[in-house]
Amino acid sequence: MPLFEYACQTCRHSFEALVYGDEKAECPECHSNDLEKLLSLPAAPQSSTASFPSACGDPSLPPCGAPGCRRVGR
């Protein structure tokens, strides 16, 4: 299933939408079709034995560039 991230150019709301075939996404806030498709980063597989390096040196923080990264000075 293709999951895409969009930013509405009308109300600036960001959201994800499943889009099948020739369907067009619509903003769930204002119902506009004036959308910008955003670059989505694939999620890393989760493993209880493996740990991914953190950009901050703190393993409780997400890797550099991940959504929600709290790295100071970025």
N, C-alpha and C. Protein backbone atom coordinates (compact mmCIF):
# COMPACT_ATOMS: atom_id res chain seq x y z
N MET A 1 0.84 -1.18 0.00
CA MET A 1 0.00 0.00 0.00
C MET A 1 0.88 1.24 0.00
N PRO A 2 0.69 2.11 -0.99
CA PRO A 2 1.50 3.33 -1.04
C PRO A 2 1.03 4.38 -0.05
N LEU A 3 1.87 4.67 0.91
CA LEU A 3 1.58 5.68 1.92
C LEU A 3 2.46 6.89 1.62
N PHE A 4 1.83 8.03 1.40
CA PHE A 4 2.56 9.25 1.05
C PHE A 4 2.31 10.32 2.11
N GLU A 5 3.29 11.22 2.24
CA GLU A 5 3.16 12.37 3.13
C GLU A 5 2.91 13.60 2.26
N TYR A 6 2.00 14.45 2.71
CA TYR A 6 1.64 15.65 1.96
C TYR A 6 1.63 16.86 2.88
N ALA A 7 1.81 18.04 2.27
CA ALA A 7 1.61 19.33 2.94
C ALA A 7 0.61 20.09 2.08
N CYS A 8 -0.49 20.51 2.69
CA CYS A 8 -1.52 21.26 1.98
C CYS A 8 -1.01 22.67 1.73
N GLN A 9 -1.09 23.11 0.49
CA GLN A 9 -0.64 24.45 0.12
C GLN A 9 -1.67 25.52 0.49
N THR A 10 -2.89 25.11 0.80
CA THR A 10 -3.95 26.05 1.16
C THR A 10 -3.92 26.38 2.65
N CYS A 11 -3.93 25.32 3.51
CA CYS A 11 -3.99 25.56 4.96
C CYS A 11 -2.71 25.15 5.70
N ARG A 12 -1.71 24.63 4.97
CA ARG A 12 -0.39 24.24 5.51
C ARG A 12 -0.44 23.04 6.44
N HIS A 13 -1.55 22.28 6.44
CA HIS A 13 -1.67 21.07 7.26
C HIS A 13 -0.82 19.97 6.64
N SER A 14 -0.05 19.22 7.45
CA SER A 14 0.74 18.08 6.99
C SER A 14 0.03 16.81 7.41
N PHE A 15 0.02 15.81 6.51
CA PHE A 15 -0.68 14.57 6.80
C PHE A 15 -0.15 13.44 5.92
N GLU A 16 -0.50 12.22 6.27
CA GLU A 16 -0.18 11.03 5.48
C GLU A 16 -1.47 10.51 4.88
N ALA A 17 -1.37 9.92 3.67
CA ALA A 17 -2.56 9.37 3.03
C ALA A 17 -2.18 8.13 2.23
N LEU A 18 -3.05 7.12 2.27
CA LEU A 18 -2.93 5.95 1.41
C LEU A 18 -3.55 6.31 0.07
N VAL A 19 -2.80 6.15 -1.01
CA VAL A 19 -3.29 6.51 -2.33
C VAL A 19 -3.18 5.29 -3.24
N TYR A 20 -4.32 4.88 -3.79
CA TYR A 20 -4.39 3.71 -4.67
C TYR A 20 -4.59 4.14 -6.11
N GLY A 21 -3.82 3.56 -7.03
CA GLY A 21 -4.01 3.79 -8.46
C GLY A 21 -4.07 5.24 -8.85
N ASP A 22 -5.18 5.63 -9.50
CA ASP A 22 -5.35 7.00 -10.00
C ASP A 22 -6.02 7.93 -8.99
N GLU A 23 -6.21 7.48 -7.75
CA GLU A 23 -6.84 8.32 -6.74
C GLU A 23 -5.99 9.56 -6.48
N LYS A 24 -6.63 10.63 -6.10
CA LYS A 24 -5.96 11.87 -5.70
C LYS A 24 -6.18 12.09 -4.22
N ALA A 25 -5.13 12.51 -3.54
CA ALA A 25 -5.24 12.80 -2.10
C ALA A 25 -5.98 14.12 -1.91
N GLU A 26 -6.58 14.26 -0.73
CA GLU A 26 -7.30 15.47 -0.36
C GLU A 26 -6.95 15.82 1.08
N CYS A 27 -6.76 17.09 1.35
CA CYS A 27 -6.46 17.54 2.71
C CYS A 27 -7.64 17.22 3.63
N PRO A 28 -7.39 16.53 4.74
CA PRO A 28 -8.48 16.21 5.66
C PRO A 28 -9.01 17.43 6.44
N GLU A 29 -8.25 18.53 6.44
CA GLU A 29 -8.67 19.73 7.16
C GLU A 29 -9.56 20.64 6.31
N CYS A 30 -9.07 20.99 5.09
CA CYS A 30 -9.80 21.97 4.27
C CYS A 30 -10.33 21.37 2.97
N HIS A 31 -10.02 20.09 2.72
CA HIS A 31 -10.49 19.35 1.53
C HIS A 31 -9.92 19.88 0.22
N SER A 32 -8.80 20.58 0.29
CA SER A 32 -8.13 21.08 -0.91
C SER A 32 -7.36 19.95 -1.59
N ASN A 33 -7.17 20.08 -2.91
CA ASN A 33 -6.34 19.15 -3.66
C ASN A 33 -5.01 19.79 -4.04
N ASP A 34 -4.74 21.00 -3.56
CA ASP A 34 -3.49 21.70 -3.82
C ASP A 34 -2.46 21.24 -2.80
N LEU A 35 -1.83 20.09 -3.10
CA LEU A 35 -0.94 19.43 -2.15
C LEU A 35 0.48 19.33 -2.69
N GLU A 36 1.43 19.37 -1.77
CA GLU A 36 2.83 19.10 -2.10
C GLU A 36 3.18 17.75 -1.50
N LYS A 37 3.69 16.84 -2.36
CA LYS A 37 4.11 15.54 -1.86
C LYS A 37 5.47 15.71 -1.20
N LEU A 38 5.61 15.25 0.03
CA LEU A 38 6.84 15.39 0.79
C LEU A 38 7.69 14.14 0.67
N LEU A 39 8.97 14.28 0.88
CA LEU A 39 9.89 13.15 0.88
C LEU A 39 9.70 12.36 2.16
N SER A 40 9.41 11.09 2.02
CA SER A 40 9.22 10.22 3.19
C SER A 40 10.48 9.41 3.41
N LEU A 41 10.90 9.33 4.66
CA LEU A 41 12.05 8.50 5.01
C LEU A 41 11.55 7.14 5.47
N PRO A 42 12.09 6.07 4.93
CA PRO A 42 11.64 4.74 5.36
C PRO A 42 12.03 4.49 6.82
N ALA A 43 11.19 3.77 7.49
CA ALA A 43 11.46 3.42 8.89
C ALA A 43 12.49 2.31 8.95
N ALA A 44 13.37 2.37 9.91
CA ALA A 44 14.36 1.31 10.11
C ALA A 44 13.70 0.14 10.83
N PRO A 45 14.05 -1.08 10.47
CA PRO A 45 13.48 -2.22 11.18
C PRO A 45 13.85 -2.19 12.66
N GLN A 46 12.91 -2.57 13.49
CA GLN A 46 13.14 -2.58 14.94
C GLN A 46 13.65 -3.96 15.36
N SER A 47 14.63 -3.95 16.21
CA SER A 47 15.19 -5.20 16.70
C SER A 47 15.56 -5.01 18.16
N SER A 48 15.28 -5.99 18.96
CA SER A 48 15.60 -5.87 20.37
C SER A 48 17.09 -6.09 20.63
N THR A 49 17.79 -6.71 19.66
CA THR A 49 19.21 -6.98 19.85
C THR A 49 20.10 -5.95 19.19
N ALA A 50 19.62 -5.31 18.12
CA ALA A 50 20.44 -4.34 17.41
C ALA A 50 20.11 -2.94 17.90
N SER A 51 21.13 -2.09 17.91
CA SER A 51 20.86 -0.70 18.23
C SER A 51 21.49 0.15 17.15
N PHE A 52 20.77 1.18 16.73
CA PHE A 52 21.26 2.07 15.71
C PHE A 52 21.99 3.22 16.38
N PRO A 53 23.08 3.70 15.77
CA PRO A 53 23.80 4.81 16.38
C PRO A 53 22.95 6.07 16.36
N SER A 54 23.04 6.84 17.40
CA SER A 54 22.30 8.09 17.51
C SER A 54 23.22 9.23 17.11
N ALA A 55 22.64 10.27 16.50
CA ALA A 55 23.43 11.42 16.09
C ALA A 55 23.96 12.19 17.28
N CYS A 56 23.30 12.06 18.41
CA CYS A 56 23.67 12.85 19.58
C CYS A 56 24.54 12.06 20.56
N GLY A 57 24.76 10.80 20.29
CA GLY A 57 25.49 9.97 21.23
C GLY A 57 24.60 9.45 22.33
N ASP A 58 23.33 9.80 22.30
CA ASP A 58 22.37 9.34 23.29
C ASP A 58 21.45 8.32 22.62
N PRO A 59 21.56 7.03 22.96
CA PRO A 59 20.78 6.00 22.27
C PRO A 59 19.28 6.13 22.47
N SER A 60 18.82 6.97 23.40
CA SER A 60 17.38 7.15 23.57
C SER A 60 16.81 8.10 22.53
N LEU A 61 17.68 8.86 21.81
CA LEU A 61 17.23 9.77 20.77
C LEU A 61 17.25 9.08 19.42
N PRO A 62 16.41 9.53 18.47
CA PRO A 62 16.39 8.91 17.14
C PRO A 62 17.65 9.25 16.36
N PRO A 63 17.98 8.46 15.32
CA PRO A 63 19.14 8.76 14.49
C PRO A 63 19.01 10.13 13.82
N CYS A 64 20.13 10.70 13.44
CA CYS A 64 20.16 12.01 12.80
C CYS A 64 19.24 12.04 11.58
N GLY A 65 18.47 13.11 11.44
CA GLY A 65 17.60 13.27 10.30
C GLY A 65 16.23 12.64 10.47
N ALA A 66 16.03 11.89 11.54
CA ALA A 66 14.74 11.26 11.75
C ALA A 66 13.73 12.28 12.22
N PRO A 67 12.45 12.11 11.83
CA PRO A 67 11.44 13.03 12.33
C PRO A 67 11.45 13.05 13.87
N GLY A 68 11.37 14.20 14.43
CA GLY A 68 11.35 14.32 15.88
C GLY A 68 12.73 14.33 16.52
N CYS A 69 13.78 14.37 15.71
CA CYS A 69 15.14 14.39 16.25
C CYS A 69 15.31 15.65 17.09
N ARG A 70 15.82 15.49 18.28
CA ARG A 70 15.98 16.62 19.21
C ARG A 70 17.42 17.10 19.27
N ARG A 71 18.18 16.84 18.24
CA ARG A 71 19.59 17.22 18.22
C ARG A 71 19.73 18.74 18.27
N VAL A 72 20.51 19.24 19.22
CA VAL A 72 20.73 20.67 19.41
C VAL A 72 21.68 21.17 18.35
N GLY A 73 21.42 22.37 17.80
CA GLY A 73 22.30 22.97 16.81
C GLY A 73 22.07 22.45 15.41
N ARG A 74 20.98 21.80 15.19
CA ARG A 74 20.69 21.25 13.87
C ARG A 74 20.19 22.26 12.91
